[in-house]
Every structure is written in C-alpha cells, then in structure tokens.
Protein backbone atom coordinates (compact mmCIF):
# COMPACT_ATOMS: atom_id res chain seq x y z
CA MET A 1 15.17 -70.66 5.22
CA LYS A 2 15.85 -73.30 7.85
CA THR A 3 16.44 -76.87 6.70
CA ASN A 4 16.19 -79.94 8.90
CA THR A 5 16.91 -83.54 7.94
CA TYR A 6 15.19 -86.69 9.23
CA ASP A 7 15.11 -90.37 8.36
CA LEU A 8 11.33 -90.17 7.98
CA ILE A 9 8.80 -87.38 7.71
CA ILE A 10 5.11 -88.15 8.29
CA VAL A 11 2.46 -85.82 6.86
CA GLY A 12 -0.68 -86.16 8.98
CA GLY A 13 -1.18 -86.34 12.74
CA GLY A 14 -4.01 -88.89 12.85
CA ILE A 15 -3.88 -92.52 13.93
CA LEU A 16 -2.43 -93.91 10.69
CA GLY A 17 0.40 -91.39 10.48
CA THR A 18 1.10 -91.63 14.20
CA PHE A 19 1.55 -95.38 14.15
CA HIS A 20 3.88 -95.07 11.16
CA ALA A 21 5.91 -92.67 13.29
CA TYR A 22 5.75 -95.04 16.27
CA HIS A 23 7.09 -98.05 14.40
CA ALA A 24 9.84 -96.02 12.71
CA LEU A 25 10.91 -94.73 16.13
CA LYS A 26 10.97 -98.30 17.45
CA LYS A 27 13.53 -99.00 14.71
CA GLY A 28 15.69 -96.11 15.96
CA LEU A 29 14.93 -93.71 13.09
CA THR A 30 14.66 -89.94 13.45
CA VAL A 31 11.07 -88.94 12.75
CA LEU A 32 9.29 -85.66 12.09
CA GLN A 33 5.49 -85.71 12.15
CA LEU A 34 3.51 -82.73 10.82
CA GLU A 35 -0.15 -81.97 11.55
CA LYS A 36 -1.87 -79.07 9.78
CA ASP A 37 -4.27 -78.26 12.64
CA ASN A 38 -3.51 -77.45 16.26
CA PHE A 39 -4.58 -81.02 17.05
CA PRO A 40 -6.05 -83.85 14.94
CA VAL A 41 -9.69 -83.10 14.07
CA GLY A 42 -10.49 -85.69 11.39
CA SER A 43 -11.74 -89.27 11.46
CA THR A 44 -9.26 -90.22 14.20
CA VAL A 45 -11.33 -88.28 16.74
CA ARG A 46 -14.75 -88.66 15.07
CA ASN A 47 -15.36 -92.34 15.63
CA PHE A 48 -16.53 -94.83 18.24
CA GLY A 49 -13.12 -95.77 19.56
CA GLN A 50 -13.71 -99.47 18.94
CA VAL A 51 -10.81 -101.84 18.25
CA VAL A 52 -12.65 -104.78 16.68
CA PRO A 53 -10.58 -107.21 14.56
CA SER A 54 -13.59 -109.54 14.65
CA GLY A 55 -15.31 -107.34 12.04
CA MET A 56 -12.46 -107.55 9.52
CA ALA A 57 -11.31 -110.07 6.95
CA GLY A 58 -8.06 -111.26 5.40
CA GLU A 59 -4.85 -109.43 6.24
CA TRP A 60 -6.85 -106.65 7.90
CA PHE A 61 -7.99 -109.08 10.57
CA ASP A 62 -4.33 -109.93 11.17
CA TYR A 63 -3.42 -106.23 11.40
CA GLY A 64 -6.25 -105.76 13.89
CA VAL A 65 -5.12 -108.66 16.09
CA ARG A 66 -1.59 -107.28 16.09
CA GLY A 67 -3.06 -103.90 16.94
CA LEU A 68 -4.61 -105.33 20.11
CA GLU A 69 -1.11 -106.30 21.28
CA ILE A 70 0.39 -102.93 20.37
CA TYR A 71 -2.31 -100.91 22.11
CA GLN A 72 -2.05 -103.00 25.27
CA SER A 73 1.73 -102.71 25.29
CA ILE A 74 1.53 -98.90 25.16
CA GLN A 75 -1.29 -98.82 27.73
CA GLN A 76 0.96 -100.69 30.18
CA ASP A 77 3.46 -97.82 29.92
CA MET A 78 0.97 -94.94 29.99
CA ASP A 79 -2.77 -94.47 30.11
CA ILE A 80 -3.86 -93.67 26.56
CA SER A 81 -7.52 -94.54 27.39
CA ILE A 82 -7.43 -98.17 26.19
CA ARG A 83 -9.94 -100.41 28.00
CA ASN A 84 -10.24 -104.18 27.65
CA ASN A 85 -14.04 -104.41 27.77
CA GLY A 86 -14.56 -106.73 24.80
CA SER A 87 -17.02 -106.67 21.89
CA ILE A 88 -20.47 -108.18 21.51
CA TYR A 89 -22.51 -108.60 18.30
CA ILE A 90 -26.19 -109.07 19.14
CA ALA A 91 -28.37 -111.03 16.72
CA SER A 92 -32.00 -109.95 16.60
CA ASP A 93 -33.56 -112.66 14.43
CA ALA A 94 -33.01 -116.23 13.28
CA ASP A 95 -31.09 -115.21 10.16
CA GLU A 96 -28.62 -113.14 12.15
CA VAL A 97 -28.26 -116.00 14.62
CA GLN A 98 -27.36 -118.29 11.73
CA VAL A 99 -24.72 -115.83 10.52
CA ILE A 100 -23.03 -115.45 13.93
CA HIS A 101 -22.85 -119.24 14.24
CA GLU A 102 -21.13 -119.36 10.84
CA LEU A 103 -18.67 -116.68 11.97
CA SER A 104 -18.01 -118.71 15.10
CA ALA A 105 -17.16 -121.72 12.95
CA HIS A 106 -14.68 -119.59 10.98
CA TYR A 107 -13.00 -118.19 14.08
CA GLN A 108 -12.68 -121.69 15.52
CA THR A 109 -10.46 -122.51 12.53
CA LYS A 110 -8.43 -119.31 13.16
CA GLY A 111 -8.06 -119.92 16.90
CA TYR A 112 -9.54 -116.47 17.61
CA LYS A 113 -11.10 -116.69 21.05
CA HIS A 114 -14.82 -116.03 21.28
CA ALA A 115 -18.04 -117.29 22.84
CA LEU A 116 -21.65 -117.65 21.75
CA TRP A 117 -24.11 -116.26 24.29
CA SER A 118 -27.75 -117.09 24.85
CA LYS A 119 -30.50 -114.53 25.31
CA ALA A 120 -30.34 -115.14 29.07
CA GLN A 121 -26.60 -114.46 29.20
CA ILE A 122 -26.97 -111.23 27.22
CA LEU A 123 -29.81 -109.91 29.37
CA ALA A 124 -27.95 -110.83 32.55
CA LYS A 125 -25.07 -108.55 31.51
CA TYR A 126 -27.22 -105.91 29.80
CA PRO A 127 -30.56 -105.85 31.67
CA ALA A 128 -31.60 -102.62 29.94
CA MET A 129 -31.72 -104.34 26.55
CA SER A 130 -35.03 -105.33 25.03
CA ALA A 131 -35.84 -109.02 25.43
CA ASP A 132 -37.82 -108.80 22.19
CA TYR A 133 -34.72 -107.67 20.26
CA VAL A 134 -32.06 -109.87 21.81
CA GLN A 135 -31.79 -113.46 20.52
CA GLU A 136 -28.14 -114.59 20.70
CA ALA A 137 -24.69 -113.00 20.49
CA ILE A 138 -21.08 -113.65 19.62
CA VAL A 139 -18.62 -112.18 22.13
CA PHE A 140 -14.90 -111.33 21.86
CA ASP A 141 -13.57 -110.60 25.35
CA GLN A 142 -10.06 -109.70 24.12
CA GLU A 143 -11.13 -106.68 22.07
CA LEU A 144 -10.56 -103.10 23.15
CA SER A 145 -12.12 -99.68 23.28
CA ALA A 146 -10.64 -96.18 23.51
CA GLU A 147 -11.83 -92.64 24.07
CA PRO A 148 -11.41 -91.25 20.53
CA GLU A 149 -11.12 -87.59 21.54
CA THR A 150 -8.44 -88.44 24.12
CA MET A 151 -6.45 -91.33 22.74
CA ILE A 152 -4.50 -89.62 19.94
CA HIS A 153 -3.45 -86.76 22.25
CA GLN A 154 -2.25 -89.20 24.89
CA LEU A 155 -0.42 -91.26 22.28
CA HIS A 156 1.43 -88.16 21.05
CA ILE A 157 2.38 -87.25 24.63
CA TYR A 158 3.59 -90.79 25.24
CA MET A 159 5.75 -90.83 22.11
CA GLN A 160 7.27 -87.44 22.86
CA ALA A 161 8.28 -88.66 26.30
CA LYS A 162 9.56 -92.06 25.16
CA PHE A 163 11.45 -91.28 21.96
CA GLY A 164 14.19 -88.67 21.87
CA LYS A 165 14.29 -88.89 18.07
CA TYR A 166 10.64 -87.80 17.67
CA THR A 167 9.62 -84.30 16.64
CA LEU A 168 5.92 -83.43 16.40
CA LYS A 169 4.74 -80.14 14.95
CA TYR A 170 1.11 -79.05 15.03
CA ASP A 171 -0.21 -76.09 12.99
CA THR A 172 2.15 -77.01 10.17
CA THR A 173 0.63 -77.24 6.70
CA VAL A 174 2.65 -78.89 3.96
CA ILE A 175 2.29 -77.15 0.60
CA ALA A 176 4.91 -78.93 -1.53
CA CYS A 177 6.68 -82.24 -1.61
CA GLU A 178 9.33 -83.33 -4.12
CA ASP A 179 12.12 -85.85 -4.63
CA ALA A 180 15.45 -84.36 -5.69
CA ASN A 181 19.16 -84.92 -5.13
CA GLU A 182 18.60 -88.26 -3.41
CA LYS A 183 16.40 -86.69 -0.72
CA ALA A 184 12.71 -86.00 -0.31
CA HIS A 185 12.04 -82.31 0.27
CA LEU A 186 9.00 -80.83 1.93
CA THR A 187 7.95 -77.18 2.22
CA THR A 188 5.45 -75.79 4.71
CA SER A 189 3.18 -72.76 4.46
CA SER A 190 5.68 -70.96 6.72
CA LEU A 191 8.33 -71.66 4.06
CA GLU A 192 10.24 -74.00 6.32
CA VAL A 193 11.99 -76.75 4.37
CA PHE A 194 12.53 -80.25 5.72
CA GLU A 195 14.44 -83.12 4.15
CA GLY A 196 13.88 -86.80 4.69
CA ALA A 197 15.23 -90.09 3.48
CA LYS A 198 11.53 -90.89 3.06
CA ILE A 199 8.20 -89.11 3.35
CA ILE A 200 4.94 -90.94 4.09
CA ILE A 201 1.72 -89.02 3.43
CA CYS A 202 -1.15 -90.11 5.69
CA ASN A 203 -3.49 -87.14 5.60
CA GLY A 204 -6.72 -88.55 4.18
CA TYR A 205 -8.39 -86.59 1.42
CA GLU A 206 -6.15 -83.60 2.24
CA PHE A 207 -3.42 -85.10 0.09
CA LYS A 208 -5.16 -83.35 -2.81
CA ILE A 209 -3.25 -80.24 -1.67
CA LEU A 210 0.01 -81.90 -2.70
CA TYR A 211 -0.91 -84.07 -5.70
CA ARG A 212 -4.18 -82.93 -7.22
CA SER A 213 -4.09 -84.98 -10.41
CA LEU A 214 -3.05 -88.09 -8.51
CA PHE A 215 -5.84 -87.45 -6.03
CA ASP A 216 -8.46 -87.10 -8.77
CA ASP A 217 -7.43 -90.44 -10.30
CA SER A 218 -6.86 -92.28 -7.02
CA GLY A 219 -10.25 -93.94 -6.57
CA LEU A 220 -10.60 -92.48 -3.11
CA GLU A 221 -14.17 -92.27 -1.84
CA ILE A 222 -15.50 -90.12 0.98
CA SER A 223 -17.92 -91.61 3.47
CA LYS A 224 -19.99 -89.18 5.53
CA LEU A 225 -21.03 -90.63 8.86
CA GLN A 226 -23.39 -89.24 11.48
CA MET A 227 -22.92 -90.03 15.16
CA MET A 228 -24.56 -88.87 18.36
CA ARG A 229 -23.54 -88.71 21.99
CA THR A 230 -25.99 -88.80 24.89
CA LYS A 231 -25.63 -86.90 28.11
CA PRO A 232 -24.11 -89.06 30.91
CA LEU A 233 -26.54 -91.91 31.59
CA HIS A 234 -25.29 -93.58 34.75
CA GLN A 235 -28.53 -95.56 35.04
CA LEU A 236 -27.43 -97.55 31.97
CA GLN A 237 -24.41 -99.83 32.16
CA LEU A 238 -23.23 -100.78 28.67
CA PRO A 239 -19.64 -102.04 28.94
CA GLY A 240 -17.69 -102.89 25.82
CA ASN A 241 -18.23 -102.39 22.10
CA ILE A 242 -21.89 -103.18 21.40
CA LEU A 243 -22.71 -104.04 17.80
CA THR A 244 -26.14 -105.10 16.63
CA GLY A 245 -28.11 -106.89 13.94
CA LEU A 246 -27.53 -104.32 11.22
CA THR A 247 -23.79 -104.57 11.91
CA ILE A 248 -23.93 -108.33 11.45
CA ARG A 249 -25.53 -107.61 8.08
CA ARG A 250 -22.79 -105.11 7.15
CA TYR A 251 -19.29 -105.94 8.42
CA GLU A 252 -16.85 -107.60 6.05
CA SER A 253 -15.99 -110.58 8.26
CA PHE A 254 -19.61 -111.75 8.11
CA GLU A 255 -19.79 -111.13 4.37
CA GLU A 256 -16.50 -112.93 3.69
CA TYR A 257 -16.78 -115.95 5.98
CA CYS A 258 -20.49 -116.67 6.49
CA PRO A 259 -22.02 -118.78 3.67
CA SER A 260 -25.59 -117.63 4.29
CA PHE A 261 -24.71 -113.91 4.41
CA GLY A 262 -25.70 -113.17 0.82
CA SER A 263 -28.97 -115.07 0.88
CA ILE A 264 -30.66 -114.01 4.11
CA PRO A 265 -33.71 -111.82 3.49
CA VAL A 266 -33.78 -108.18 4.58
CA PRO A 267 -36.63 -107.45 7.03
CA GLU A 268 -38.87 -104.71 5.72
CA HIS A 269 -38.18 -102.39 8.65
CA TYR A 270 -34.47 -102.39 7.71
CA ASN A 271 -35.02 -101.02 4.21
CA GLU A 272 -35.16 -97.32 5.10
CA LEU A 273 -32.20 -97.71 7.46
CA ARG A 274 -30.07 -99.41 4.82
CA LYS A 275 -30.83 -96.59 2.37
CA TYR A 276 -28.75 -94.34 4.62
CA GLY A 277 -26.16 -96.98 5.44
CA ILE A 278 -27.31 -97.10 9.05
CA HIS A 279 -26.19 -99.73 11.50
CA ILE A 280 -26.42 -99.30 15.25
CA LEU A 281 -23.41 -99.33 17.56
CA PHE A 282 -23.17 -98.28 21.19
CA LYS A 283 -20.02 -97.36 23.09
CA GLN A 284 -20.28 -95.96 26.60
CA ALA A 285 -17.57 -93.46 27.55
CA THR A 286 -15.95 -93.22 30.94
CA ASP A 287 -18.23 -90.28 31.89
CA GLY A 288 -21.35 -92.42 31.31
CA SER A 289 -22.31 -90.82 28.00
CA ILE A 290 -23.03 -93.17 25.11
CA ILE A 291 -21.92 -92.75 21.51
CA VAL A 292 -24.69 -93.98 19.21
CA GLY A 293 -24.65 -94.35 15.44
CA ASP A 294 -23.92 -94.45 12.65
CA SER A 295 -24.94 -93.74 9.06
CA HIS A 296 -23.00 -93.82 5.78
CA GLU A 297 -23.41 -91.73 2.64
CA TYR A 298 -20.81 -91.69 -0.14
CA ALA A 299 -19.25 -89.43 -2.74
CA ALA A 300 -16.18 -89.55 -4.96
CA GLY A 301 -13.06 -88.22 -3.27
CA ASN A 302 -13.06 -85.04 -5.34
CA ARG A 303 -16.80 -84.43 -4.70
CA LEU A 304 -16.74 -84.11 -0.91
CA ASP A 305 -18.92 -81.00 -1.01
CA ASP A 306 -21.76 -83.01 -2.55
CA LEU A 307 -22.29 -84.66 0.83
CA GLY A 308 -22.92 -81.37 2.60
CA PHE A 309 -21.66 -80.52 6.05
CA ALA A 310 -24.99 -80.42 7.91
CA VAL A 311 -26.26 -83.07 10.29
CA ASP A 312 -29.44 -84.56 8.82
CA THR A 313 -32.12 -84.60 11.53
CA TYR A 314 -34.10 -87.30 9.73
CA VAL A 315 -31.10 -89.66 9.73
CA ASN A 316 -30.61 -89.06 13.45
CA GLU A 317 -34.30 -89.77 14.06
CA LEU A 318 -33.99 -93.07 12.20
CA MET A 319 -30.97 -94.04 14.29
CA ILE A 320 -32.66 -93.10 17.57
CA ALA A 321 -35.76 -95.10 16.64
CA GLU A 322 -33.71 -98.20 15.81
CA ALA A 323 -31.54 -97.76 18.90
CA ASN A 324 -34.73 -97.58 20.97
CA ARG A 325 -35.66 -101.06 19.75
CA ILE A 326 -32.52 -102.29 21.53
CA ILE A 327 -32.16 -100.13 24.66
CA PRO A 328 -34.20 -97.20 25.99
CA MET A 329 -33.10 -94.16 23.96
CA LYS A 330 -34.98 -90.89 24.27
CA GLN A 331 -34.61 -87.95 21.91
CA ASP A 332 -33.90 -85.54 24.76
CA TRP A 333 -31.01 -87.69 25.97
CA ILE A 334 -28.96 -86.67 22.92
CA ALA A 335 -26.44 -84.01 23.92
CA SER A 336 -24.55 -83.64 20.63
CA SER A 337 -24.33 -84.89 17.08
CA TRP A 338 -21.64 -84.56 14.45
CA PRO A 339 -20.63 -85.70 10.98
CA GLY A 340 -17.40 -87.50 10.24
CA PHE A 341 -15.79 -87.65 6.81
CA TYR A 342 -13.64 -90.72 6.15
CA ALA A 343 -11.45 -91.25 3.11
CA GLN A 344 -11.64 -94.88 2.00
CA HIS A 345 -10.62 -96.99 -0.98
CA LYS A 346 -11.90 -100.09 -2.77
CA ASP A 347 -8.53 -101.76 -2.06
CA HIS A 348 -8.94 -101.01 1.68
CA ILE A 349 -6.20 -98.38 1.59
CA LEU A 350 -4.59 -96.20 -1.06
CA GLU A 351 -0.93 -97.09 -1.56
CA VAL A 352 0.89 -94.97 -4.13
CA ASP A 353 4.65 -94.60 -4.43
CA VAL A 354 5.03 -91.14 -5.93
CA SER A 355 8.78 -91.69 -6.13
CA PRO A 356 11.32 -94.01 -4.47
CA ARG A 357 11.23 -91.69 -1.43
CA ILE A 358 7.67 -90.33 -1.31
CA HIS A 359 4.84 -92.69 -0.39
CA VAL A 360 1.11 -92.05 -0.07
CA ARG A 361 -0.61 -94.31 2.45
CA THR A 362 -4.11 -93.05 3.13
CA GLY A 363 -7.81 -93.80 2.83
CA ILE A 364 -7.96 -96.51 5.50
CA GLY A 365 -11.58 -95.52 6.20
CA GLY A 366 -13.36 -97.10 9.14
CA LYS A 367 -10.52 -99.56 9.73
CA GLY A 368 -8.22 -96.90 11.13
CA MET A 369 -8.69 -97.34 14.86
CA THR A 370 -8.49 -101.14 14.63
CA ALA A 371 -5.92 -101.79 11.92
CA SER A 372 -3.56 -98.79 11.73
CA ALA A 373 -1.15 -100.05 14.38
CA GLY A 374 -0.62 -103.42 12.70
CA TYR A 375 -0.70 -102.13 9.12
CA ALA A 376 1.83 -99.36 9.84
CA GLU A 377 4.21 -101.87 11.43
CA ARG A 378 4.19 -103.96 8.26
CA ASN A 379 4.53 -100.90 6.02
CA ILE A 380 7.52 -99.51 7.91
CA GLU A 381 9.23 -102.91 7.68
CA HIS A 382 8.56 -102.89 3.93
CA LEU A 383 9.81 -99.35 3.33
CA PHE A 384 12.88 -99.58 5.56
C-alpha cells in the first residue's frame, strides 16, 4: 500500500474544507484535500450563493466581514464568480421597518457601512416589485454574491494553479482515521493510506462514517431546505442578494441586536409559512434565472431519513405565492426545484478534537458561504 505524508489532510471538498486548505497553503503547509464524490454535491452547491455578514451576529459577523475581503482578493486573481452587487432587506410592514431601523442603529456602532432606503428608492431600482409590499429597506452595498454551482469548482482550479503544495483528490472516500505513532493516519476505500501532522474533518453529516458514536452524541441537526430556480427571465432585473420581510423576522442579527424583534406580532398570513420555516430570498444568476426560496424542516443528525428526499409541492406552492406578493412569479416560470440538506449545530459549528491531531470542524449550516473563509482562517491559526 502506498503511503503519503502531508502537513494537513482535509476530509471534505466543500466550502468549509476548501478554505481550511486555502489558509493552510497560505502558511506554506503541504495539504491534501479529499472529496468522496467526483465533485462537491452537498450544501456548498445547493444554496443561494449569498455572502451576507449583515445577517449574522457576534464572531460570525466578524468571520463574514473577513470573508468579503478574502473572496475579493481571490476574485482579483481569477474569476471564481464573485460579484459585488450588495444585499437588500425589504421591510413589508411597520414592524419590519422598526426592526431594520434598530439594526441600522447597531451597525452604526460597528462602523459597518449601510443605508436605509425609502419605498421610492427601492422601486426605482426594482420597478418589478410590488408597491403594496415594499415599505423601506436596509442596504449593504459591500456584500457579495456567487454562483454556487460554479464557485467551488473555480476555487479548486485556482488553488491547484496557485499552490504547488496542494493535492486535491476527488472520488476518494475515507473509511478510517486514527492517531498513532505521533501521526494521524487515514485510509481510503481504495486502501490507500495517508499520513498527516493533522487531519481536519469537514464533511458535514458524513462524518458518521468515521466516528459513529461521536456523531450520534454530537448534537448535530439536519435542516432540509427547498429551493427553486426559474427559467432565464431577462425581463426582470434583480441585482444583488434580495432578502424580504420573513428574513427580517428570521436572521440572527435582527434577533440579537433589535430590541423589538421578540415583541412584534406575526401577521396571520405568515403563520402557515413559518410552520415550514419559509422565508423568501431572490438571487438572479448571470444567465437571468432566479433562485427563489427557501424552506426549513429539521431532524436530529442521525435521523436524516425522517425528512424524506422528495420535494414537497405544497411547500413550493407556498413559496411561489409569497414570492408573488413581492415580484411577479408564475408557476410555469419554475424550471427546477431541489432539496438541500445542511448539517448545523446549536453552537453554530461542531468543534471536536478527537485527538491532538484529528479535529472535527463541521455543521456550519447556512453560514457556510458567508463565514467559512473567515472562520477557517482563525481555526488554522489556532491549530498551527
């Protein structure tokens, strides 16, 4: 059997593992990254591609802000699909307006650039939006968007070209991982053996393959999301990350920093939507298609199958109906729909040190696209 030795081995080819590899390479380390499929197919590619620190709180906001810098730095070297189109949260009633003003007050203390827009300003930029829905908005021009199905592939290509100490292997499933003789040892399903000074496991709920009992006791939760993509709609121009009233009533920055968040009443028409964890986001891709969603249903990490793998037509119908309150959205415009399954944790991420050389860092949930770059930088500094 062939044995290879690296400073760091990453298990998982998604955004969290890839940015751990990136920051280790920036430190001059030799890095092996292993992905079980022939390209990443998990939550890294099943999302909106929105980089929105404005929706996060505490250290995760800081990781997100740092992530903006990291993404833009890489984009200057190579096109990885990053676009600086900004984010807008649209308030649809007086209570949501109150909350965005409170968030504005918080971000003034943080020095995080933003603007409050009037109804007229919003409709001038987005004339297709319903004047009945739109009231005011908070806007973050510095925030970014990406093409989720493209970005991770381009990032891997970029890293392979830039770093001579980087080895990336797709179609490589890890079946065992142990710490012995002052090295971490990893075995693949092809019976290849690799050694590393450290191993970081960033493979979502798939880490149950390696540490089943640890997985069962980890507190990981699986969130099933449903998203839709329209056919190209060049008659609609929706630049940026568009987040709406239900998002204002959901994201942690509003909950953490807005005093009235917990006391505002829930309009009756939101009740059925909230039962399925629905909030409405729009992100227009470069081909003119629009990603619309999403919903959230939950199960314990070891009960993924309870969520089912089907797309629920009723949930999609609810999302289309709510989206249609905001912009014109016809059922026959929908070209595709898919579920995503995100591993998440009550502590925002699962951090377990299996041994001095083997580290589980997974379950970043919906924060991955925004916060992985900044979080991984801090974690690599901590571990090395």
